[in-house]
């Protein structure tokens, strides 16, 4: 019975040190931290993890763009609480290309202290990127639609949806399943959520572009038309990790039996990840 209790206790201790993705982070290891989401991987190692007041430590950073097709830009690292340490605390990169890692080391000096202290050093990593979703849009003439409906081949024209993997996710919902019949009114609902374990404040005006295919005409709430594009015309503020859902009203159009096209949405965003690591500062 005692062995069982010890085993349960060990499992609880391990579980307390783990937070699962997205926004996965490693905690509980002195002098180290590891946090990641679909865009970014951040690893920090402070050495030594215990230091006498007045002595120096080195802090090594590794940040990696995990995306294989998207660059990250305006990447900033800001250590906003150094506790008892002083030294370089900010870093900027104009861009971090796909699958690239940046590594550097800072040397910090510690203050003397009369009491031993576990310094919780806090930092923020921020960057900009974009999320995309592409939806096949197939519009059929009335004759083609009814023929396929009768023969059971309508579903073969449903098309596919392709979405990038980001901390900001875009989901599309439609009032009617694809494909659509010509000269039909359909509604599209755009849902955007923060799933990256960090923080996004808003998607500002102009940050979302919807590109329409030739077989769709219409508009979306809160968007301004520009050619075959619809551009976000107001800020979308996130509340409880979710942006307000938006509705689009479309009219299908085709002069052929089958009209194929693609609808795409691109959202540019700025994302923040907060984390910390601990270094023990001892008395002299």
Protein backbone atom coordinates (compact mmCIF):
# COMPACT_ATOMS: atom_id res chain seq x y z
CA UNK A 1 0.00 0.00 0.00
CA UNK A 2 2.86 2.33 0.83
CA UNK A 3 4.46 1.61 -2.59
CA UNK A 4 1.19 2.46 -4.35
CA UNK A 5 0.95 5.76 -2.46
CA UNK A 6 4.53 6.65 -3.41
CA UNK A 7 3.83 5.82 -7.06
CA UNK A 8 0.70 8.03 -7.12
CA UNK A 9 2.67 10.85 -5.49
CA UNK A 10 5.43 10.56 -8.14
CA UNK A 11 2.88 10.69 -10.96
CA UNK A 12 1.29 13.81 -9.49
CA UNK A 13 4.67 15.52 -9.18
CA UNK A 14 5.51 14.79 -12.82
CA UNK A 15 2.06 15.91 -13.99
CA UNK A 16 2.44 19.20 -12.14
CA UNK A 17 5.52 20.00 -14.23
CA UNK A 18 3.93 19.46 -17.63
CA UNK A 19 1.59 21.60 -19.71
CA UNK A 20 0.38 20.11 -22.95
CA UNK A 21 0.27 21.81 -26.39
CA UNK A 22 -0.60 24.13 -27.90
CA UNK A 23 1.54 26.57 -25.99
CA UNK A 24 3.42 23.60 -24.58
CA UNK A 25 5.98 24.55 -21.96
CA UNK A 26 8.49 22.80 -19.76
CA UNK A 27 8.60 24.03 -16.19
CA UNK A 28 10.20 22.92 -12.95
CA UNK A 29 13.80 22.64 -14.21
CA UNK A 30 16.01 25.31 -12.60
CA UNK A 31 17.63 27.64 -15.12
CA UNK A 32 15.75 26.22 -18.12
CA UNK A 33 12.49 26.68 -19.97
CA UNK A 34 10.97 25.48 -23.23
CA UNK A 35 7.77 26.87 -24.75
CA UNK A 36 6.32 26.30 -28.20
CA UNK A 37 3.26 26.59 -30.43
CA UNK A 38 2.69 25.93 -34.16
CA UNK A 39 4.77 28.99 -35.16
CA UNK A 40 7.59 29.21 -32.67
CA UNK A 41 9.86 27.11 -30.46
CA UNK A 42 11.75 28.89 -27.65
CA UNK A 43 14.42 27.29 -25.47
CA UNK A 44 16.34 29.13 -22.73
CA UNK A 45 19.18 27.80 -20.59
CA UNK A 46 20.79 29.82 -17.79
CA UNK A 47 24.16 28.60 -16.49
CA UNK A 48 24.78 28.13 -13.69
CA UNK A 49 21.23 27.70 -12.38
CA UNK A 50 22.48 28.65 -8.89
CA UNK A 51 24.82 31.58 -8.37
CA UNK A 52 26.23 33.54 -5.47
CA UNK A 53 25.16 37.19 -5.40
CA UNK A 54 27.58 39.45 -7.28
CA UNK A 55 28.63 36.76 -9.78
CA UNK A 56 27.71 36.27 -13.44
CA UNK A 57 25.58 33.82 -15.37
CA UNK A 58 25.23 33.14 -19.10
CA UNK A 59 21.75 32.91 -20.65
CA UNK A 60 21.57 31.07 -23.99
CA UNK A 61 18.52 31.46 -26.25
CA UNK A 62 17.36 29.32 -29.17
CA UNK A 63 14.31 30.48 -31.12
CA UNK A 64 13.06 28.48 -34.11
CA UNK A 65 10.47 29.20 -36.77
CA UNK A 66 8.59 25.87 -36.93
CA UNK A 67 6.71 26.79 -40.10
CA UNK A 68 7.82 25.12 -43.33
CA UNK A 69 6.21 27.63 -45.71
CA UNK A 70 5.69 30.86 -43.72
CA UNK A 71 8.29 33.30 -42.47
CA UNK A 72 7.87 35.16 -39.19
CA UNK A 73 8.66 38.86 -39.09
CA UNK A 74 9.16 41.60 -36.47
CA UNK A 75 10.39 39.00 -33.99
CA UNK A 76 11.08 40.55 -30.58
CA UNK A 77 12.37 39.10 -27.31
CA UNK A 78 11.87 41.22 -24.21
CA UNK A 79 12.96 40.14 -20.72
CA UNK A 80 10.69 42.46 -18.77
CA UNK A 81 11.56 41.18 -15.28
CA UNK A 82 15.23 40.32 -14.67
CA UNK A 83 14.76 40.03 -10.91
CA UNK A 84 18.23 40.46 -9.31
CA UNK A 85 20.10 40.40 -12.64
CA UNK A 86 21.24 43.07 -15.08
CA UNK A 87 22.47 42.90 -18.68
CA UNK A 88 21.07 42.82 -22.22
CA UNK A 89 17.35 42.12 -22.13
CA UNK A 90 15.96 42.81 -25.63
CA UNK A 91 16.55 41.33 -29.07
CA UNK A 92 15.00 42.04 -32.48
CA UNK A 93 15.01 40.18 -35.80
CA UNK A 94 13.43 41.68 -38.91
CA UNK A 95 12.45 38.18 -39.97
CA UNK A 96 12.93 34.53 -39.11
CA UNK A 97 12.69 32.37 -42.20
CA UNK A 98 11.11 28.93 -42.47
CA UNK A 99 12.76 26.22 -40.35
CA UNK A 100 15.47 28.65 -39.22
CA UNK A 101 16.92 29.02 -35.72
CA UNK A 102 18.57 32.02 -34.10
CA UNK A 103 20.94 31.40 -31.19
CA UNK A 104 22.69 33.88 -28.91
CA UNK A 105 24.04 34.17 -25.37
CA UNK A 106 23.74 37.04 -22.90
CA UNK A 107 26.00 37.51 -19.91
CA UNK A 108 24.20 38.83 -16.85
CA UNK A 109 25.55 40.00 -13.51
CA UNK A 110 23.67 39.39 -10.26
CA UNK A 111 23.16 41.68 -7.30
CA UNK A 112 24.25 40.72 -3.83
CA UNK A 113 21.47 39.62 -1.51
CA UNK A 114 21.14 39.05 2.22
CA UNK A 115 18.64 36.24 1.68
CA UNK A 116 18.67 33.31 -0.73
CA UNK A 117 16.13 33.92 -3.47
CA UNK A 118 14.60 31.96 -6.34
CA UNK A 119 14.51 34.57 -9.10
CA UNK A 120 11.62 34.04 -11.52
CA UNK A 121 12.85 35.78 -14.69
CA UNK A 122 9.98 36.71 -17.02
CA UNK A 123 10.11 37.28 -20.76
CA UNK A 124 7.88 37.78 -23.78
CA UNK A 125 8.46 36.66 -27.38
CA UNK A 126 6.34 38.39 -30.04
CA UNK A 127 6.18 38.08 -33.82
CA UNK A 128 3.98 38.60 -36.84
CA UNK A 129 2.84 36.03 -39.39
CA UNK A 130 -0.25 35.00 -41.34
CA UNK A 131 -2.84 32.25 -41.32
CA UNK A 132 -4.55 31.06 -44.48
CA UNK A 133 -7.47 28.89 -45.50
CA UNK A 134 -8.37 27.87 -49.06
CA UNK A 135 -11.76 26.42 -50.01
CA UNK A 136 -12.68 24.86 -53.37
CA UNK A 137 -15.89 26.41 -54.69
CA UNK A 138 -17.78 24.38 -57.31
CA UNK A 139 -20.94 25.83 -58.85
CA UNK A 140 -23.11 23.70 -61.15
CA UNK A 141 -25.78 24.63 -63.65
CA UNK A 142 -29.28 23.57 -62.62
CA UNK A 143 -29.25 20.72 -65.16
CA UNK A 144 -25.86 19.44 -63.98
CA UNK A 145 -26.87 19.78 -60.33
CA UNK A 146 -30.10 17.78 -60.70
CA UNK A 147 -28.45 15.12 -62.88
CA UNK A 148 -25.73 14.52 -60.30
CA UNK A 149 -28.28 14.61 -57.51
CA UNK A 150 -30.27 11.85 -59.19
CA UNK A 151 -27.20 9.72 -59.98
CA UNK A 152 -25.68 10.14 -56.51
CA UNK A 153 -22.51 11.87 -57.78
CA UNK A 154 -23.11 15.31 -56.27
CA UNK A 155 -20.78 14.71 -53.32
CA UNK A 156 -17.88 14.09 -55.70
CA UNK A 157 -17.94 17.83 -56.48
CA UNK A 158 -17.75 18.95 -52.85
CA UNK A 159 -14.11 20.05 -53.17
CA UNK A 160 -11.54 20.31 -50.40
CA UNK A 161 -10.48 22.71 -47.67
CA UNK A 162 -6.81 23.46 -46.99
CA UNK A 163 -5.75 25.42 -43.91
CA UNK A 164 -2.35 26.39 -42.54
CA UNK A 165 -1.39 25.38 -39.00
CA UNK A 166 -0.93 28.47 -36.86
CA UNK A 167 -1.67 29.69 -33.33
CA UNK A 168 -4.49 31.65 -34.98
CA UNK A 169 -6.97 29.29 -36.67
CA UNK A 170 -9.62 30.13 -39.27
CA UNK A 171 -12.71 27.93 -39.68
CA UNK A 172 -15.38 28.24 -42.37
CA UNK A 173 -19.00 27.15 -42.10
CA UNK A 174 -21.60 27.26 -44.90
CA UNK A 175 -25.39 27.41 -44.90
CA UNK A 176 -25.51 24.70 -47.60
CA UNK A 177 -23.09 21.88 -48.40
CA UNK A 178 -20.95 22.17 -51.50
CA UNK A 179 -21.30 22.00 -54.47
CA UNK A 180 -23.85 24.77 -55.07
CA UNK A 181 -26.44 25.25 -57.76
CA UNK A 182 -26.25 28.29 -60.03
CA UNK A 183 -28.16 31.41 -58.99
CA UNK A 184 -28.40 30.37 -55.32
CA UNK A 185 -27.92 32.52 -52.22
CA UNK A 186 -25.50 30.97 -49.72
CA UNK A 187 -24.07 32.15 -46.42
CA UNK A 188 -20.52 31.69 -45.15
CA UNK A 189 -19.55 32.11 -41.48
CA UNK A 190 -15.94 32.91 -40.55
CA UNK A 191 -14.74 31.83 -37.10
CA UNK A 192 -11.27 32.83 -35.88
CA UNK A 193 -9.75 31.58 -32.61
CA UNK A 194 -6.51 31.83 -30.64
CA UNK A 195 -5.34 28.24 -30.11
CA UNK A 196 -1.63 28.87 -29.57
CA UNK A 197 -1.39 29.03 -25.78
CA UNK A 198 -0.27 32.66 -25.87
CA UNK A 199 -2.02 35.96 -26.46
CA UNK A 200 -3.44 37.94 -29.36
CA UNK A 201 -5.21 41.22 -28.70
CA UNK A 202 -6.94 41.83 -32.01
CA UNK A 203 -6.86 41.53 -35.78
CA UNK A 204 -6.65 45.17 -36.87
CA UNK A 205 -8.44 46.84 -39.75
CA UNK A 206 -6.95 45.74 -43.08
CA UNK A 207 -5.35 42.56 -41.69
CA UNK A 208 -7.75 40.06 -43.33
CA UNK A 209 -8.22 39.64 -47.08
CA UNK A 210 -10.84 37.40 -48.67
CA UNK A 211 -10.27 36.58 -52.35
CA UNK A 212 -13.41 35.49 -54.20
CA UNK A 213 -13.58 33.19 -57.25
CA UNK A 214 -15.41 34.28 -60.40
CA UNK A 215 -18.39 32.03 -59.60
CA UNK A 216 -19.26 33.95 -56.39
CA UNK A 217 -20.54 37.49 -55.95
CA UNK A 218 -21.37 39.16 -52.66
CA UNK A 219 -20.02 40.76 -49.52
CA UNK A 220 -19.19 40.14 -45.86
CA UNK A 221 -20.17 42.01 -42.70
CA UNK A 222 -17.41 44.45 -41.72
CA UNK A 223 -15.48 44.07 -44.99
CA UNK A 224 -14.86 46.56 -47.79
CA UNK A 225 -14.82 45.39 -51.44
CA UNK A 226 -11.75 46.00 -53.60
CA UNK A 227 -11.83 44.27 -56.98
CA UNK A 228 -12.32 40.55 -56.35
CA UNK A 229 -11.21 40.97 -52.73
CA UNK A 230 -12.98 41.83 -49.49
CA UNK A 231 -10.79 43.60 -46.90
CA UNK A 232 -11.50 43.80 -43.16
CA UNK A 233 -12.76 47.32 -42.46
CA UNK A 234 -12.73 47.29 -38.64
CA UNK A 235 -10.80 45.85 -35.73
CA UNK A 236 -11.68 42.34 -34.53
CA UNK A 237 -11.02 42.14 -30.78
CA UNK A 238 -10.53 38.72 -29.19
CA UNK A 239 -12.66 37.90 -26.15
CA UNK A 240 -11.91 34.65 -24.31
CA UNK A 241 -9.60 33.59 -27.17
CA UNK A 242 -12.29 34.05 -29.84
CA UNK A 243 -12.88 36.83 -32.39
CA UNK A 244 -16.44 37.82 -33.35
CA UNK A 245 -17.92 35.51 -35.99
CA UNK A 246 -18.55 37.24 -39.33
CA UNK A 247 -21.19 36.44 -41.96
CA UNK A 248 -20.82 36.64 -45.74
CA UNK A 249 -23.70 36.56 -48.23
CA UNK A 250 -22.93 35.20 -51.69
CA UNK A 251 -24.78 34.64 -54.95
CA UNK A 252 -23.55 31.80 -57.14
CA UNK A 253 -23.07 32.38 -60.85
CA UNK A 254 -21.94 30.29 -63.82
CA UNK A 255 -22.59 30.05 -67.57
CA UNK A 256 -21.10 26.55 -67.79
CA UNK A 257 -22.26 23.12 -66.54
CA UNK A 258 -19.43 23.09 -63.97
CA UNK A 259 -17.56 26.14 -62.69
CA UNK A 260 -14.59 25.56 -60.40
CA UNK A 261 -12.81 28.18 -58.31
CA UNK A 262 -11.11 28.78 -54.99
CA UNK A 263 -11.96 31.11 -52.14
CA UNK A 264 -9.01 32.10 -49.96
CA UNK A 265 -8.68 33.99 -46.69
CA UNK A 266 -5.40 35.37 -45.34
CA UNK A 267 -5.18 36.90 -41.86
CA UNK A 268 -2.04 38.76 -40.75
CA UNK A 269 -1.58 38.68 -36.98
CA UNK A 270 0.78 39.65 -34.16
CA UNK A 271 1.26 36.99 -31.49
CA UNK A 272 2.78 36.99 -27.99
CA UNK A 273 4.18 34.15 -25.88
CA UNK A 274 4.97 34.79 -22.20
CA UNK A 275 7.19 32.50 -20.16
CA UNK A 276 9.77 32.47 -17.38
CA UNK A 277 12.72 30.57 -15.93
CA UNK A 278 14.16 30.39 -12.43
CA UNK A 279 17.71 31.03 -11.20
CA UNK A 280 18.61 30.73 -7.53
CA UNK A 281 20.67 33.63 -6.14
CA UNK A 282 22.52 32.71 -2.95
CA UNK A 283 24.12 34.82 -0.29
CA UNK A 284 27.88 35.33 -0.50
